[in-house]
Amino acid sequence: MRSLQIIQSLRLITANEIEILNLEVRKDNINAIHLYEKFGFKSIGISPAFFKIDGEYVDFELMYLDLRPLNSDF
């Protein structure tokens, strides 16, 4: 179900000519990180103590997806 939602979202995003996506995901949410990686997202860093949840600081992983077409000059 989540994969289908991501596929539908990516279709809408590319149809609207959005070329770059950035997202943050809890560093301890391994399932979500693997799902995003399945669709080509790359980790670009960690934001330490990004949020304080239930009295604990939580790190977030920053992820990036480049949807631009490949440059035909290469």
C-alpha atoms as a PDB file:
ATOM      1  CA  MET A   1       0.000   0.000   0.000  1.00  0.00           C
ATOM      2  CA  ARG A   2       2.757   2.472   0.895  1.00  0.00           C
ATOM      3  CA  SER A   3       4.607   1.683  -2.319  1.00  0.00           C
ATOM      4  CA  LEU A   4       1.485   2.407  -4.362  1.00  0.00           C
ATOM      5  CA  GLN A   5       1.013   5.733  -2.585  1.00  0.00           C
ATOM      6  CA  ILE A   6       4.628   6.694  -3.289  1.00  0.00           C
ATOM      7  CA  ILE A   7       4.305   5.694  -6.954  1.00  0.00           C
ATOM      8  CA  GLN A   8       1.131   7.780  -7.311  1.00  0.00           C
ATOM      9  CA  SER A   9       2.789  10.719  -5.552  1.00  0.00           C
ATOM     10  CA  LEU A  10       5.876  10.531  -7.769  1.00  0.00           C
ATOM     11  CA  ARG A  11       3.685  10.493 -10.886  1.00  0.00           C
ATOM     12  CA  LEU A  12       1.864  13.615  -9.706  1.00  0.00           C
ATOM     13  CA  ILE A  13       5.138  15.289  -8.747  1.00  0.00           C
ATOM     14  CA  THR A  14       6.811  14.629 -12.100  1.00  0.00           C
ATOM     15  CA  ALA A  15       3.642  15.659 -13.984  1.00  0.00           C
ATOM     16  CA  ASN A  16       3.936  19.014 -12.242  1.00  0.00           C
ATOM     17  CA  GLU A  17       7.598  19.310 -13.265  1.00  0.00           C
ATOM     18  CA  ILE A  18       8.980  19.140  -9.738  1.00  0.00           C
ATOM     19  CA  GLU A  19      12.579  18.039 -10.119  1.00  0.00           C
ATOM     20  CA  ILE A  20      14.004  17.644  -6.620  1.00  0.00           C
ATOM     21  CA  LEU A  21      12.454  16.233  -3.458  1.00  0.00           C
ATOM     22  CA  ASN A  22      13.815  16.532   0.059  1.00  0.00           C
ATOM     23  CA  LEU A  23      12.438  14.826   3.132  1.00  0.00           C
ATOM     24  CA  GLU A  24      13.236  14.144   6.755  1.00  0.00           C
ATOM     25  CA  VAL A  25      12.580  10.804   8.413  1.00  0.00           C
ATOM     26  CA  ARG A  26      13.242   9.671  11.968  1.00  0.00           C
ATOM     27  CA  LYS A  27      16.652   8.020  12.028  1.00  0.00           C
ATOM     28  CA  ASP A  28      15.191   5.066  13.947  1.00  0.00           C
ATOM     29  CA  ASN A  29      12.437   4.471  11.353  1.00  0.00           C
ATOM     30  CA  ILE A  30      14.415   1.883   9.393  1.00  0.00           C
ATOM     31  CA  ASN A  31      11.386   0.573   7.472  1.00  0.00           C
ATOM     32  CA  ALA A  32      10.572   4.038   6.102  1.00  0.00           C
ATOM     33  CA  ILE A  33      14.214   4.688   5.217  1.00  0.00           C
ATOM     34  CA  HIS A  34      14.406   1.406   3.259  1.00  0.00           C
ATOM     35  CA  LEU A  35      11.141   2.198   1.483  1.00  0.00           C
ATOM     36  CA  TYR A  36      12.404   5.619   0.403  1.00  0.00           C
ATOM     37  CA  GLU A  37      15.711   4.097  -0.726  1.00  0.00           C
ATOM     38  CA  LYS A  38      13.734   1.606  -2.832  1.00  0.00           C
ATOM     39  CA  PHE A  39      12.402   4.587  -4.785  1.00  0.00           C
ATOM     40  CA  GLY A  40      15.815   6.170  -5.250  1.00  0.00           C
ATOM     41  CA  PHE A  41      16.080   8.535  -2.298  1.00  0.00           C
ATOM     42  CA  LYS A  42      19.639   9.021  -1.041  1.00  0.00           C
ATOM     43  CA  SER A  43      20.728   9.932   2.461  1.00  0.00           C
ATOM     44  CA  ILE A  44      22.446  13.316   2.540  1.00  0.00           C
ATOM     45  CA  GLY A  45      23.003  13.664   6.251  1.00  0.00           C
ATOM     46  CA  ILE A  46      21.680  13.581   9.766  1.00  0.00           C
ATOM     47  CA  SER A  47      20.025  16.382  11.654  1.00  0.00           C
ATOM     48  CA  PRO A  48      20.850  15.652  15.294  1.00  0.00           C
ATOM     49  CA  ALA A  49      18.257  16.405  17.963  1.00  0.00           C
ATOM     50  CA  PHE A  50      15.854  17.569  15.254  1.00  0.00           C
ATOM     51  CA  PHE A  51      12.784  17.167  17.472  1.00  0.00           C
ATOM     52  CA  LYS A  52      12.100  16.584  21.113  1.00  0.00           C
ATOM     53  CA  ILE A  53       9.483  13.845  21.400  1.00  0.00           C
ATOM     54  CA  ASP A  54       8.232  12.632  24.787  1.00  0.00           C
ATOM     55  CA  GLY A  55      11.158  14.343  26.480  1.00  0.00           C
ATOM     56  CA  GLU A  56      13.813  12.746  24.241  1.00  0.00           C
ATOM     57  CA  TYR A  57      15.698  14.308  21.382  1.00  0.00           C
ATOM     58  CA  VAL A  58      15.305  12.430  18.118  1.00  0.00           C
ATOM     59  CA  ASP A  59      17.714  12.508  15.176  1.00  0.00           C
ATOM     60  CA  PHE A  60      16.312  12.761  11.673  1.00  0.00           C
ATOM     61  CA  GLU A  61      17.850  11.499   8.459  1.00  0.00           C
ATOM     62  CA  LEU A  62      17.759  13.940   5.550  1.00  0.00           C
ATOM     63  CA  MET A  63      16.998  12.336   2.187  1.00  0.00           C
ATOM     64  CA  TYR A  64      17.024  13.613  -1.376  1.00  0.00           C
ATOM     65  CA  LEU A  65      15.597  12.445  -4.719  1.00  0.00           C
ATOM     66  CA  ASP A  66      16.691  14.042  -7.994  1.00  0.00           C
ATOM     67  CA  LEU A  67      14.000  13.632 -10.667  1.00  0.00           C
ATOM     68  CA  ARG A  68      15.705  15.712 -13.344  1.00  0.00           C
ATOM     69  CA  PRO A  69      16.280  13.932 -16.652  1.00  0.00           C
ATOM     70  CA  LEU A  70      19.835  12.933 -17.362  1.00  0.00           C
ATOM     71  CA  ASN A  71      21.844  15.505 -19.245  1.00  0.00           C
ATOM     72  CA  SER A  72      22.112  14.207 -22.826  1.00  0.00           C
ATOM     73  CA  ASP A  73      25.490  15.923 -23.262  1.00  0.00           C
ATOM     74  CA  PHE A  74      27.297  13.287 -21.185  1.00  0.00           C
END
